[in-house]
Structure formats: structure tokens, C-alpha cells
Amino acid sequence: MSFDLNGTIELLISNPARSEPAFPYEREIRLYQLRTWVSCPDPAIVEMAAALCGAKYLKLLERKLTPRLLDLGKEQSSDDLKRYLKDVSYGKLYDSTIGEYGGLACTRFG
């Protein structure tokens, strides 16, 4: 999902009812990329913005898939990730954001 300015603008101005997103929350993530690009047109920063935004939406999907476990504050294991990745929406979102830019390590800052 490398950033394509023209493709992003076309996606954002198109009627969402007439197109199928390539992955969940695509419009929202592309909008965040565009906002980042306006502030800092560095491709690496724009890609990092997509990965970070994707991670936030993945967390939202995790809450939908296992609300009780997350409410209890249980730490997640690699087994949890494997289970989440079996969900089609989660898998597409992961592959298009986190997976595209280097895996989970790309979401760690500091």
C-alpha cells in the first residue's frame, strides 16, 4: 500500500457506496496518509503513518473479536495474533498496513 497521491485523492472523492475497499478502514487510513503527506511529504513518514493508523484499527478489531479478554487486561500472545489473522477483515487490514511495512516492529517507537 505505498502512498499514491492521485489514487488516494480519487478514492477519497469517490462515492463509498459505489466501490469496495481493498481492506477495512481503507478510506480512513488513506485520509490519515494524505494528512501526513501534507505536513511532511517524506515517503517513509507517510508509510509509518499508515502502519500506525492500521495498528489502531487492528486494536479496534481485536476488541470486537475478543472483548472480554481485552477488558480483563490480559496480555496478548502470538497465539492470539494467529487467531486474529484467521479473521478475513483482520488479515486484510494487517497485510495492507502492518505487514506491508515490515511487520510489528514498525509499530514500535522509542
PDB file of N, CA and C in Angstrom:
ATOM      1  N   MET A   1       0.827  -1.181   0.000  1.00  0.00           N
ATOM      2  CA  MET A   1       0.000   0.000   0.000  1.00  0.00           C
ATOM      3  C   MET A   1       0.873   1.247   0.000  1.00  0.00           C
ATOM      4  N   SER A   2       1.852   1.315  -0.885  1.00  0.00           N
ATOM      5  CA  SER A   2       2.661   2.519  -0.935  1.00  0.00           C
ATOM      6  C   SER A   2       1.761   3.698  -1.296  1.00  0.00           C
ATOM      7  N   PHE A   3       2.126   4.861  -0.815  1.00  0.00           N
ATOM      8  CA  PHE A   3       1.276   6.034  -0.954  1.00  0.00           C
ATOM      9  C   PHE A   3       1.263   6.520  -2.393  1.00  0.00           C
ATOM     10  N   ASP A   4       0.067   6.634  -2.946  1.00  0.00           N
ATOM     11  CA  ASP A   4      -0.163   7.137  -4.298  1.00  0.00           C
ATOM     12  C   ASP A   4      -1.097   8.327  -4.161  1.00  0.00           C
ATOM     13  N   LEU A   5      -0.546   9.522  -4.342  1.00  0.00           N
ATOM     14  CA  LEU A   5      -1.325  10.738  -4.123  1.00  0.00           C
ATOM     15  C   LEU A   5      -2.571  10.777  -4.996  1.00  0.00           C
ATOM     16  N   ASN A   6      -2.426  10.549  -6.290  1.00  0.00           N
ATOM     17  CA  ASN A   6      -3.578  10.616  -7.191  1.00  0.00           C
ATOM     18  C   ASN A   6      -4.607   9.543  -6.855  1.00  0.00           C
ATOM     19  N   GLY A   7      -4.144   8.329  -6.595  1.00  0.00           N
ATOM     20  CA  GLY A   7      -5.063   7.253  -6.231  1.00  0.00           C
ATOM     21  C   GLY A   7      -5.785   7.536  -4.928  1.00  0.00           C
ATOM     22  N   THR A   8      -5.070   8.144  -3.981  1.00  0.00           N
ATOM     23  CA  THR A   8      -5.676   8.483  -2.694  1.00  0.00           C
ATOM     24  C   THR A   8      -6.763   9.530  -2.864  1.00  0.00           C
ATOM     25  N   ILE A   9      -6.480  10.550  -3.645  1.00  0.00           N
ATOM     26  CA  ILE A   9      -7.476  11.602  -3.873  1.00  0.00           C
ATOM     27  C   ILE A   9      -8.696  11.032  -4.596  1.00  0.00           C
ATOM     28  N   GLU A  10      -8.464  10.185  -5.600  1.00  0.00           N
ATOM     29  CA  GLU A  10      -9.592   9.552  -6.301  1.00  0.00           C
ATOM     30  C   GLU A  10     -10.441   8.734  -5.335  1.00  0.00           C
ATOM     31  N   LEU A  11      -9.793   7.971  -4.472  1.00  0.00           N
ATOM     32  CA  LEU A  11     -10.518   7.158  -3.503  1.00  0.00           C
ATOM     33  C   LEU A  11     -11.339   8.034  -2.557  1.00  0.00           C
ATOM     34  N   LEU A  12     -10.746   9.114  -2.084  1.00  0.00           N
ATOM     35  CA  LEU A  12     -11.411   9.956  -1.095  1.00  0.00           C
ATOM     36  C   LEU A  12     -12.578  10.763  -1.664  1.00  0.00           C
ATOM     37  N   ILE A  13     -12.524  11.108  -2.934  1.00  0.00           N
ATOM     38  CA  ILE A  13     -13.620  11.889  -3.511  1.00  0.00           C
ATOM     39  C   ILE A  13     -14.676  11.005  -4.170  1.00  0.00           C
ATOM     40  N   SER A  14     -14.408   9.718  -4.291  1.00  0.00           N
ATOM     41  CA  SER A  14     -15.385   8.813  -4.896  1.00  0.00           C
ATOM     42  C   SER A  14     -16.510   8.501  -3.911  1.00  0.00           C
ATOM     43  N   ASN A  15     -17.606   8.040  -4.447  1.00  0.00           N
ATOM     44  CA  ASN A  15     -18.752   7.648  -3.632  1.00  0.00           C
ATOM     45  C   ASN A  15     -18.434   6.305  -2.968  1.00  0.00           C
ATOM     46  N   PRO A  16     -18.357   6.243  -1.642  1.00  0.00           N
ATOM     47  CA  PRO A  16     -18.009   4.986  -0.971  1.00  0.00           C
ATOM     48  C   PRO A  16     -19.012   3.868  -1.217  1.00  0.00           C
ATOM     49  N   ALA A  17     -20.248   4.217  -1.547  1.00  0.00           N
ATOM     50  CA  ALA A  17     -21.266   3.194  -1.799  1.00  0.00           C
ATOM     51  C   ALA A  17     -21.048   2.479  -3.128  1.00  0.00           C
ATOM     52  N   ARG A  18     -20.255   3.076  -4.000  1.00  0.00           N
ATOM     53  CA  ARG A  18     -20.036   2.503  -5.331  1.00  0.00           C
ATOM     54  C   ARG A  18     -18.713   1.767  -5.479  1.00  0.00           C
ATOM     55  N   SER A  19     -17.962   1.687  -4.424  1.00  0.00           N
ATOM     56  CA  SER A  19     -16.673   0.991  -4.535  1.00  0.00           C
ATOM     57  C   SER A  19     -16.451   0.103  -3.319  1.00  0.00           C
ATOM     58  N   GLU A  20     -15.742  -0.959  -3.533  1.00  0.00           N
ATOM     59  CA  GLU A  20     -15.408  -1.903  -2.463  1.00  0.00           C
ATOM     60  C   GLU A  20     -13.997  -1.579  -1.974  1.00  0.00           C
ATOM     61  N   PRO A  21     -13.822  -1.321  -0.684  1.00  0.00           N
ATOM     62  CA  PRO A  21     -12.470  -1.031  -0.189  1.00  0.00           C
ATOM     63  C   PRO A  21     -11.565  -2.260  -0.342  1.00  0.00           C
ATOM     64  N   ALA A  22     -10.298  -2.017  -0.575  1.00  0.00           N
ATOM     65  CA  ALA A  22      -9.333  -3.111  -0.703  1.00  0.00           C
ATOM     66  C   ALA A  22      -9.120  -3.807   0.635  1.00  0.00           C
ATOM     67  N   PHE A  23      -9.330  -3.073   1.719  1.00  0.00           N
ATOM     68  CA  PHE A  23      -9.177  -3.606   3.074  1.00  0.00           C
ATOM     69  C   PHE A  23     -10.005  -2.735   4.014  1.00  0.00           C
ATOM     70  N   PRO A  24     -10.337  -3.254   5.201  1.00  0.00           N
ATOM     71  CA  PRO A  24     -11.147  -2.471   6.139  1.00  0.00           C
ATOM     72  C   PRO A  24     -10.477  -1.143   6.511  1.00  0.00           C
ATOM     73  N   TYR A  25     -11.266  -0.124   6.626  1.00  0.00           N
ATOM     74  CA  TYR A  25     -10.815   1.219   7.018  1.00  0.00           C
ATOM     75  C   TYR A  25      -9.847   1.844   6.003  1.00  0.00           C
ATOM     76  N   GLU A  26      -9.926   1.404   4.766  1.00  0.00           N
ATOM     77  CA  GLU A  26      -9.006   1.938   3.747  1.00  0.00           C
ATOM     78  C   GLU A  26      -9.153   3.453   3.599  1.00  0.00           C
ATOM     79  N   ARG A  27     -10.375   3.945   3.505  1.00  0.00           N
ATOM     80  CA  ARG A  27     -10.575   5.391   3.325  1.00  0.00           C
ATOM     81  C   ARG A  27      -9.994   6.178   4.492  1.00  0.00           C
ATOM     82  N   GLU A  28     -10.219   5.697   5.705  1.00  0.00           N
ATOM     83  CA  GLU A  28      -9.725   6.394   6.890  1.00  0.00           C
ATOM     84  C   GLU A  28      -8.197   6.416   6.927  1.00  0.00           C
ATOM     85  N   ILE A  29      -7.597   5.301   6.574  1.00  0.00           N
ATOM     86  CA  ILE A  29      -6.134   5.213   6.597  1.00  0.00           C
ATOM     87  C   ILE A  29      -5.535   6.059   5.491  1.00  0.00           C
ATOM     88  N   ARG A  30      -6.150   6.032   4.317  1.00  0.00           N
ATOM     89  CA  ARG A  30      -5.659   6.884   3.216  1.00  0.00           C
ATOM     90  C   ARG A  30      -5.787   8.371   3.568  1.00  0.00           C
ATOM     91  N   LEU A  31      -6.876   8.737   4.223  1.00  0.00           N
ATOM     92  CA  LEU A  31      -7.049  10.134   4.648  1.00  0.00           C
ATOM     93  C   LEU A  31      -5.953  10.529   5.626  1.00  0.00           C
ATOM     94  N   TYR A  32      -5.631   9.632   6.555  1.00  0.00           N
ATOM     95  CA  TYR A  32      -4.556   9.909   7.517  1.00  0.00           C
ATOM     96  C   TYR A  32      -3.211  10.024   6.792  1.00  0.00           C
ATOM     97  N   GLN A  33      -2.986   9.192   5.781  1.00  0.00           N
ATOM     98  CA  GLN A  33      -1.761   9.306   4.988  1.00  0.00           C
ATOM     99  C   GLN A  33      -1.703  10.650   4.269  1.00  0.00           C
ATOM    100  N   LEU A  34      -2.821  11.066   3.688  1.00  0.00           N
ATOM    101  CA  LEU A  34      -2.852  12.348   2.981  1.00  0.00           C
ATOM    102  C   LEU A  34      -2.562  13.495   3.937  1.00  0.00           C
ATOM    103  N   ARG A  35      -3.178  13.456   5.093  1.00  0.00           N
ATOM    104  CA  ARG A  35      -2.931  14.488   6.107  1.00  0.00           C
ATOM    105  C   ARG A  35      -1.458  14.524   6.503  1.00  0.00           C
ATOM    106  N   THR A  36      -0.867  13.365   6.655  1.00  0.00           N
ATOM    107  CA  THR A  36       0.553  13.288   6.999  1.00  0.00           C
ATOM    108  C   THR A  36       1.408  13.806   5.853  1.00  0.00           C
ATOM    109  N   TRP A  37       1.063  13.427   4.627  1.00  0.00           N
ATOM    110  CA  TRP A  37       1.822  13.862   3.454  1.00  0.00           C
ATOM    111  C   TRP A  37       1.810  15.381   3.317  1.00  0.00           C
ATOM    112  N   VAL A  38       0.675  16.014   3.617  1.00  0.00           N
ATOM    113  CA  VAL A  38       0.586  17.483   3.546  1.00  0.00           C
ATOM    114  C   VAL A  38       1.568  18.112   4.526  1.00  0.00           C
ATOM    115  N   SER A  39       1.679  17.535   5.719  1.00  0.00           N
ATOM    116  CA  SER A  39       2.586  18.068   6.740  1.00  0.00           C
ATOM    117  C   SER A  39       4.039  17.719   6.487  1.00  0.00           C
ATOM    118  N   CYS A  40       4.265  16.513   5.970  1.00  0.00           N
ATOM    119  CA  CYS A  40       5.630  16.021   5.772  1.00  0.00           C
ATOM    120  C   CYS A  40       5.636  15.031   4.607  1.00  0.00           C
ATOM    121  N   PRO A  41       5.987  15.482   3.407  1.00  0.00           N
ATOM    122  CA  PRO A  41       5.893  14.613   2.234  1.00  0.00           C
ATOM    123  C   PRO A  41       7.016  13.564   2.110  1.00  0.00           C
ATOM    124  N   ASP A  42       7.593  13.174   3.198  1.00  0.00           N
ATOM    125  CA  ASP A  42       8.622  12.129   3.207  1.00  0.00           C
ATOM    126  C   ASP A  42       7.933  10.764   3.104  1.00  0.00           C
ATOM    127  N   PRO A  43       8.229   9.966   2.057  1.00  0.00           N
ATOM    128  CA  PRO A  43       7.555   8.671   1.878  1.00  0.00           C
ATOM    129  C   PRO A  43       7.666   7.741   3.089  1.00  0.00           C
ATOM    130  N   ALA A  44       8.795   7.736   3.765  1.00  0.00           N
ATOM    131  CA  ALA A  44       8.959   6.867   4.935  1.00  0.00           C
ATOM    132  C   ALA A  44       8.014   7.279   6.064  1.00  0.00           C
ATOM    133  N   ILE A  45       7.819   8.570   6.246  1.00  0.00           N
ATOM    134  CA  ILE A  45       6.916   9.064   7.290  1.00  0.00           C
ATOM    135  C   ILE A  45       5.468   8.741   6.924  1.00  0.00           C
ATOM    136  N   VAL A  46       5.122   8.894   5.652  1.00  0.00           N
ATOM    137  CA  VAL A  46       3.762   8.598   5.204  1.00  0.00           C
ATOM    138  C   VAL A  46       3.459   7.104   5.361  1.00  0.00           C
ATOM    139  N   GLU A  47       4.430   6.252   5.062  1.00  0.00           N
ATOM    140  CA  GLU A  47       4.258   4.812   5.263  1.00  0.00           C
ATOM    141  C   GLU A  47       4.110   4.483   6.753  1.00  0.00           C
ATOM    142  N   MET A  48       4.911   5.123   7.584  1.00  0.00           N
ATOM    143  CA  MET A  48       4.825   4.901   9.025  1.00  0.00           C
ATOM    144  C   MET A  48       3.454   5.340   9.544  1.00  0.00           C
ATOM    145  N   ALA A  49       2.926   6.418   8.989  1.00  0.00           N
ATOM    146  CA  ALA A  49       1.592   6.888   9.387  1.00  0.00           C
ATOM    147  C   ALA A  49       0.541   5.828   9.072  1.00  0.00           C
ATOM    148  N   ALA A  50       0.659   5.191   7.911  1.00  0.00           N
ATOM    149  CA  ALA A  50      -0.297   4.137   7.549  1.00  0.00           C
ATOM    150  C   ALA A  50      -0.183   2.956   8.497  1.00  0.00           C
ATOM    151  N   ALA A  51       1.041   2.574   8.842  1.00  0.00           N
ATOM    152  CA  ALA A  51       1.245   1.451   9.763  1.00  0.00           C
ATOM    153  C   ALA A  51       0.690   1.770  11.144  1.00  0.00           C
ATOM    154  N   LEU A  52       0.936   2.978  11.616  1.00  0.00           N
ATOM    155  CA  LEU A  52       0.442   3.383  12.938  1.00  0.00           C
ATOM    156  C   LEU A  52      -1.083   3.436  12.951  1.00  0.00           C
ATOM    157  N   CYS A  53      -1.664   4.021  11.932  1.00  0.00           N
ATOM    158  CA  CYS A  53      -3.122   4.111  11.837  1.00  0.00           C
ATOM    159  C   CYS A  53      -3.716   2.705  11.712  1.00  0.00           C
ATOM    160  N   GLY A  54      -3.081   1.857  10.916  1.00  0.00           N
ATOM    161  CA  GLY A  54      -3.527   0.481  10.776  1.00  0.00           C
ATOM    162  C   GLY A  54      -3.503  -0.255  12.099  1.00  0.00           C
ATOM    163  N   ALA A  55      -2.465  -0.019  12.893  1.00  0.00           N
ATOM    164  CA  ALA A  55      -2.354  -0.665  14.208  1.00  0.00           C
ATOM    165  C   ALA A  55      -3.509  -0.243  15.118  1.00  0.00           C
ATOM    166  N   LYS A  56      -3.897   1.008  15.033  1.00  0.00           N
ATOM    167  CA  LYS A  56      -5.022   1.481  15.852  1.00  0.00           C
ATOM    168  C   LYS A  56      -6.327   0.798  15.445  1.00  0.00           C
ATOM    169  N   TYR A  57      -6.546   0.656  14.138  1.00  0.00           N
ATOM    170  CA  TYR A  57      -7.759  -0.016  13.678  1.00  0.00           C
ATOM    171  C   TYR A  57      -7.710  -1.521  13.954  1.00  0.00           C
ATOM    172  N   LEU A  58      -6.516  -2.115  13.922  1.00  0.00           N
ATOM    173  CA  LEU A  58      -6.391  -3.529  14.304  1.00  0.00           C
ATOM    174  C   LEU A  58      -6.797  -3.719  15.761  1.00  0.00           C
ATOM    175  N   LYS A  59      -6.390  -2.806  16.609  1.00  0.00           N
ATOM    176  CA  LYS A  59      -6.761  -2.871  18.023  1.00  0.00           C
ATOM    177  C   LYS A  59      -8.285  -2.800  18.170  1.00  0.00           C
ATOM    178  N   LEU A  60      -8.919  -1.959  17.368  1.00  0.00           N
ATOM    179  CA  LEU A  60     -10.377  -1.860  17.384  1.00  0.00           C
ATOM    180  C   LEU A  60     -11.012  -3.200  16.989  1.00  0.00           C
ATOM    181  N   LEU A  61     -10.477  -3.837  15.951  1.00  0.00           N
ATOM    182  CA  LEU A  61     -10.996  -5.142  15.538  1.00  0.00           C
ATOM    183  C   LEU A  61     -10.742  -6.201  16.609  1.00  0.00           C
ATOM    184  N   GLU A  62      -9.608  -6.127  17.285  1.00  0.00           N
ATOM    185  CA  GLU A  62      -9.321  -7.078  18.364  1.00  0.00           C
ATOM    186  C   GLU A  62     -10.367  -6.970  19.461  1.00  0.00           C
ATOM    187  N   ARG A  63     -10.756  -5.765  19.762  1.00  0.00           N
ATOM    188  CA  ARG A  63     -11.781  -5.561  20.797  1.00  0.00           C
ATOM    189  C   ARG A  63     -13.119  -6.172  20.370  1.00  0.00           C
ATOM    190  N   LYS A  64     -13.402  -6.115  19.068  1.00  0.00           N
ATOM    191  CA  LYS A  64     -14.640  -6.716  18.570  1.00  0.00           C
ATOM    192  C   LYS A  64     -14.546  -8.241  18.582  1.00  0.00           C
ATOM    193  N   LEU A  65     -13.366  -8.779  18.309  1.00  0.00           N
ATOM    194  CA  LEU A  65     -13.201 -10.231  18.242  1.00  0.00           C
ATOM    195  C   LEU A  65     -13.136 -10.881  19.624  1.00  0.00           C
ATOM    196  N   THR A  66     -12.543 -10.200  20.594  1.00  0.00           N
ATOM    197  CA  THR A  66     -12.388 -10.772  21.940  1.00  0.00           C
ATOM    198  C   THR A  66     -12.593  -9.701  23.005  1.00  0.00           C
ATOM    199  N   PRO A  67     -13.781  -9.145  23.093  1.00  0.00           N
ATOM    200  CA  PRO A  67     -13.990  -8.035  24.036  1.00  0.00           C
ATOM    201  C   PRO A  67     -13.740  -8.408  25.490  1.00  0.00           C
ATOM    202  N   ARG A  68     -14.115  -9.597  25.899  1.00  0.00           N
ATOM    203  CA  ARG A  68     -13.978  -9.976  27.300  1.00  0.00           C
ATOM    204  C   ARG A  68     -12.517 -10.081  27.719  1.00  0.00           C
ATOM    205  N   LEU A  69     -11.683 -10.685  26.876  1.00  0.00           N
ATOM    206  CA  LEU A  69     -10.272 -10.836  27.231  1.00  0.00           C
ATOM    207  C   LEU A  69      -9.567  -9.493  27.349  1.00  0.00           C
ATOM    208  N   LEU A  70      -9.885  -8.574  26.440  1.00  0.00           N
ATOM    209  CA  LEU A  70      -9.224  -7.272  26.475  1.00  0.00           C
ATOM    210  C   LEU A  70      -9.706  -6.443  27.654  1.00  0.00           C
ATOM    211  N   ASP A  71     -10.962  -6.607  28.034  1.00  0.00           N
ATOM    212  CA  ASP A  71     -11.476  -5.881  29.193  1.00  0.00           C
ATOM    213  C   ASP A  71     -10.798  -6.324  30.483  1.00  0.00           C
ATOM    214  N   LEU A  72     -10.380  -7.578  30.533  1.00  0.00           N
ATOM    215  CA  LEU A  72      -9.717  -8.094  31.725  1.00  0.00           C
ATOM    216  C   LEU A  72      -8.254  -7.671  31.798  1.00  0.00           C
ATOM    217  N   GLY A  73      -7.740  -7.023  30.755  1.00  0.00           N
ATOM    218  CA  GLY A  73      -6.359  -6.573  30.752  1.00  0.00           C
ATOM    219  C   GLY A  73      -5.363  -7.690  30.489  1.00  0.00           C
ATOM    220  N   LYS A  74      -5.825  -8.790  29.913  1.00  0.00           N
ATOM    221  CA  LYS A  74      -4.955  -9.926  29.623  1.00  0.00           C
ATOM    222  C   LYS A  74      -3.942  -9.540  28.543  1.00  0.00           C
ATOM    223  N   GLU A  75      -2.695  -9.910  28.769  1.00  0.00           N
ATOM    224  CA  GLU A  75      -1.693  -9.678  27.746  1.00  0.00           C
ATOM    225  C   GLU A  75      -1.941 -10.609  26.577  1.00  0.00           C
ATOM    226  N   GLN A  76      -1.595 -10.138  25.389  1.00  0.00           N
ATOM    227  CA  GLN A  76      -1.821 -10.951  24.208  1.00  0.00           C
ATOM    228  C   GLN A  76      -0.565 -11.730  23.844  1.00  0.00           C
ATOM    229  N   SER A  77      -0.774 -12.914  23.322  1.00  0.00           N
ATOM    230  CA  SER A  77       0.340 -13.766  22.921  1.00  0.00           C
ATOM    231  C   SER A  77       0.342 -13.912  21.399  1.00  0.00           C
ATOM    232  N   SER A  78       1.352 -14.588  20.898  1.00  0.00           N
ATOM    233  CA  SER A  78       1.409 -14.849  19.464  1.00  0.00           C
ATOM    234  C   SER A  78       0.255 -15.757  19.035  1.00  0.00           C
ATOM    235  N   ASP A  79      -0.238 -16.582  19.949  1.00  0.00           N
ATOM    236  CA  ASP A  79      -1.400 -17.418  19.642  1.00  0.00           C
ATOM    237  C   ASP A  79      -2.633 -16.559  19.386  1.00  0.00           C
ATOM    238  N   ASP A  80      -2.770 -15.464  20.144  1.00  0.00           N
ATOM    239  CA  ASP A  80      -3.885 -14.538  19.918  1.00  0.00           C
ATOM    240  C   ASP A  80      -3.779 -13.923  18.526  1.00  0.00           C
ATOM    241  N   LEU A  81      -2.567 -13.512  18.144  1.00  0.00           N
ATOM    242  CA  LEU A  81      -2.368 -12.920  16.825  1.00  0.00           C
ATOM    243  C   LEU A  81      -2.724 -13.922  15.734  1.00  0.00           C
ATOM    244  N   LYS A  82      -2.307 -15.167  15.881  1.00  0.00           N
ATOM    245  CA  LYS A  82      -2.641 -16.198  14.895  1.00  0.00           C
ATOM    246  C   LYS A  82      -4.158 -16.347  14.763  1.00  0.00           C
ATOM    247  N   ARG A  83      -4.862 -16.302  15.886  1.00  0.00           N
ATOM    248  CA  ARG A  83      -6.310 -16.426  15.863  1.00  0.00           C
ATOM    249  C   ARG A  83      -6.935 -15.209  15.174  1.00  0.00           C
ATOM    250  N   TYR A  84      -6.443 -14.027  15.488  1.00  0.00           N
ATOM    251  CA  TYR A  84      -6.977 -12.816  14.854  1.00  0.00           C
ATOM    252  C   TYR A  84      -6.772 -12.859  13.337  1.00  0.00           C
ATOM    253  N   LEU A  85      -5.599 -13.332  12.919  1.00  0.00           N
ATOM    254  CA  LEU A  85      -5.280 -13.344  11.493  1.00  0.00           C
ATOM    255  C   LEU A  85      -6.174 -14.292  10.703  1.00  0.00           C
ATOM    256  N   LYS A  86      -6.849 -15.200  11.372  1.00  0.00           N
ATOM    257  CA  LYS A  86      -7.801 -16.090  10.701  1.00  0.00           C
ATOM    258  C   LYS A  86      -9.068 -15.343  10.306  1.00  0.00           C
ATOM    259  N   ASP A  87      -9.338 -14.214  10.956  1.00  0.00           N
ATOM    260  CA  ASP A  87     -10.472 -13.377  10.594  1.00  0.00           C
ATOM    261  C   ASP A  87     -10.114 -12.628   9.303  1.00  0.00           C
ATOM    262  N   VAL A  88     -10.981 -12.734   8.285  1.00  0.00           N
ATOM    263  CA  VAL A  88     -10.684 -12.166   6.969  1.00  0.00           C
ATOM    264  C   VAL A  88     -10.419 -10.661   7.033  1.00  0.00           C
ATOM    265  N   SER A  89     -11.268  -9.916   7.725  1.00  0.00           N
ATOM    266  CA  SER A  89     -11.096  -8.460   7.813  1.00  0.00           C
ATOM    267  C   SER A  89      -9.789  -8.104   8.505  1.00  0.00           C
ATOM    268  N   TYR A  90      -9.513  -8.779   9.604  1.00  0.00           N
ATOM    269  CA  TYR A  90      -8.276  -8.515  10.353  1.00  0.00           C
ATOM    270  C   TYR A  90      -7.063  -8.826   9.480  1.00  0.00           C
ATOM    271  N   GLY A  91      -7.100  -9.972   8.808  1.00  0.00           N
ATOM    272  CA  GLY A  91      -5.974 -10.370   7.963  1.00  0.00           C
ATOM    273  C   GLY A  91      -5.700  -9.383   6.837  1.00  0.00           C
ATOM    274  N   LYS A  92      -6.762  -8.923   6.168  1.00  0.00           N
ATOM    275  CA  LYS A  92      -6.590  -7.946   5.080  1.00  0.00           C
ATOM    276  C   LYS A  92      -6.013  -6.637   5.606  1.00  0.00           C
ATOM    277  N   LEU A  93      -6.536  -6.173   6.733  1.00  0.00           N
ATOM    278  CA  LEU A  93      -6.042  -4.920   7.306  1.00  0.00           C
ATOM    279  C   LEU A  93      -4.586  -5.063   7.735  1.00  0.00           C
ATOM    280  N   TYR A  94      -4.256  -6.171   8.384  1.00  0.00           N
ATOM    281  CA  TYR A  94      -2.872  -6.413   8.818  1.00  0.00           C
ATOM    282  C   TYR A  94      -1.934  -6.441   7.616  1.00  0.00           C
ATOM    283  N   ASP A  95      -2.285  -7.220   6.594  1.00  0.00           N
ATOM    284  CA  ASP A  95      -1.428  -7.351   5.417  1.00  0.00           C
ATOM    285  C   ASP A  95      -1.228  -6.022   4.700  1.00  0.00           C
ATOM    286  N   SER A  96      -2.269  -5.190   4.660  1.00  0.00           N
ATOM    287  CA  SER A  96      -2.209  -3.930   3.916  1.00  0.00           C
ATOM    288  C   SER A  96      -1.537  -2.802   4.674  1.00  0.00           C
ATOM    289  N   THR A  97      -1.383  -2.939   5.964  1.00  0.00           N
ATOM    290  CA  THR A  97      -0.750  -1.863   6.735  1.00  0.00           C
ATOM    291  C   THR A  97       0.498  -2.377   7.446  1.00  0.00           C
ATOM    292  N   ILE A  98       0.337  -3.121   8.493  1.00  0.00           N
ATOM    293  CA  ILE A  98       1.479  -3.595   9.283  1.00  0.00           C
ATOM    294  C   ILE A  98       2.389  -4.497   8.454  1.00  0.00           C
ATOM    295  N   GLY A  99       1.814  -5.499   7.815  1.00  0.00           N
ATOM    296  CA  GLY A  99       2.608  -6.440   7.023  1.00  0.00           C
ATOM    297  C   GLY A  99       3.337  -5.779   5.872  1.00  0.00           C
ATOM    298  N   GLU A 100       2.679  -4.850   5.229  1.00  0.00           N
ATOM    299  CA  GLU A 100       3.251  -4.144   4.067  1.00  0.00           C
ATOM    300  C   GLU A 100       4.533  -3.385   4.423  1.00  0.00           C
ATOM    301  N   TYR A 101       4.616  -2.879   5.651  1.00  0.00           N
ATOM    302  CA  TYR A 101       5.722  -2.006   6.010  1.00  0.00           C
ATOM    303  C   TYR A 101       6.687  -2.601   7.018  1.00  0.00           C
ATOM    304  N   GLY A 102       6.757  -3.924   7.096  1.00  0.00           N
ATOM    305  CA  GLY A 102       7.809  -4.505   7.907  1.00  0.00           C
ATOM    306  C   GLY A 102       7.367  -5.242   9.158  1.00  0.00           C
ATOM    307  N   GLY A 103       6.084  -5.501   9.314  1.00  0.00           N
ATOM    308  CA  GLY A 103       5.623  -6.277  10.449  1.00  0.00           C
ATOM    309  C   GLY A 103       5.463  -5.452  11.719  1.00  0.00           C
ATOM    310  N   LEU A 104       5.301  -6.167  12.813  1.00  0.00           N
ATOM    311  CA  LEU A 104       5.022  -5.497  14.077  1.00  0.00           C
ATOM    312  C   LEU A 104       6.127  -4.561  14.541  1.00  0.00           C
ATOM    313  N   ALA A 105       7.360  -4.841  14.176  1.00  0.00           N
ATOM    314  CA  ALA A 105       8.479  -3.990  14.608  1.00  0.00           C
ATOM    315  C   ALA A 105       8.315  -2.555  14.133  1.00  0.00           C
ATOM    316  N   CYS A 106       7.611  -2.344  13.022  1.00  0.00           N
ATOM    317  CA  CYS A 106       7.447  -0.982  12.504  1.00  0.00           C
ATOM    318  C   CYS A 106       6.508  -0.146  13.356  1.00  0.00           C
ATOM    319  N   THR A 107       5.761  -0.777  14.273  1.00  0.00           N
ATOM    320  CA  THR A 107       4.838  -0.008  15.100  1.00  0.00           C
ATOM    321  C   THR A 107       5.438   0.383  16.436  1.00  0.00           C
ATOM    322  N   ARG A 108       6.673  -0.013  16.693  1.00  0.00           N
ATOM    323  CA  ARG A 108       7.343   0.299  17.957  1.00  0.00           C
ATOM    324  C   ARG A 108       8.169   1.578  17.778  1.00  0.00           C
ATOM    325  N   PHE A 109       7.951   2.506  18.649  1.00  0.00           N
ATOM    326  CA  PHE A 109       8.694   3.765  18.587  1.00  0.00           C
ATOM    327  C   PHE A 109       9.435   3.956  19.893  1.00  0.00           C
ATOM    328  N   GLY A 110      10.605   4.574  19.825  1.00  0.00           N
ATOM    329  CA  GLY A 110      11.299   4.888  21.056  1.00  0.00           C
ATOM    330  C   GLY A 110      12.595   4.235  21.245  1.00  0.00           C
TER     331      GLY A 110
END
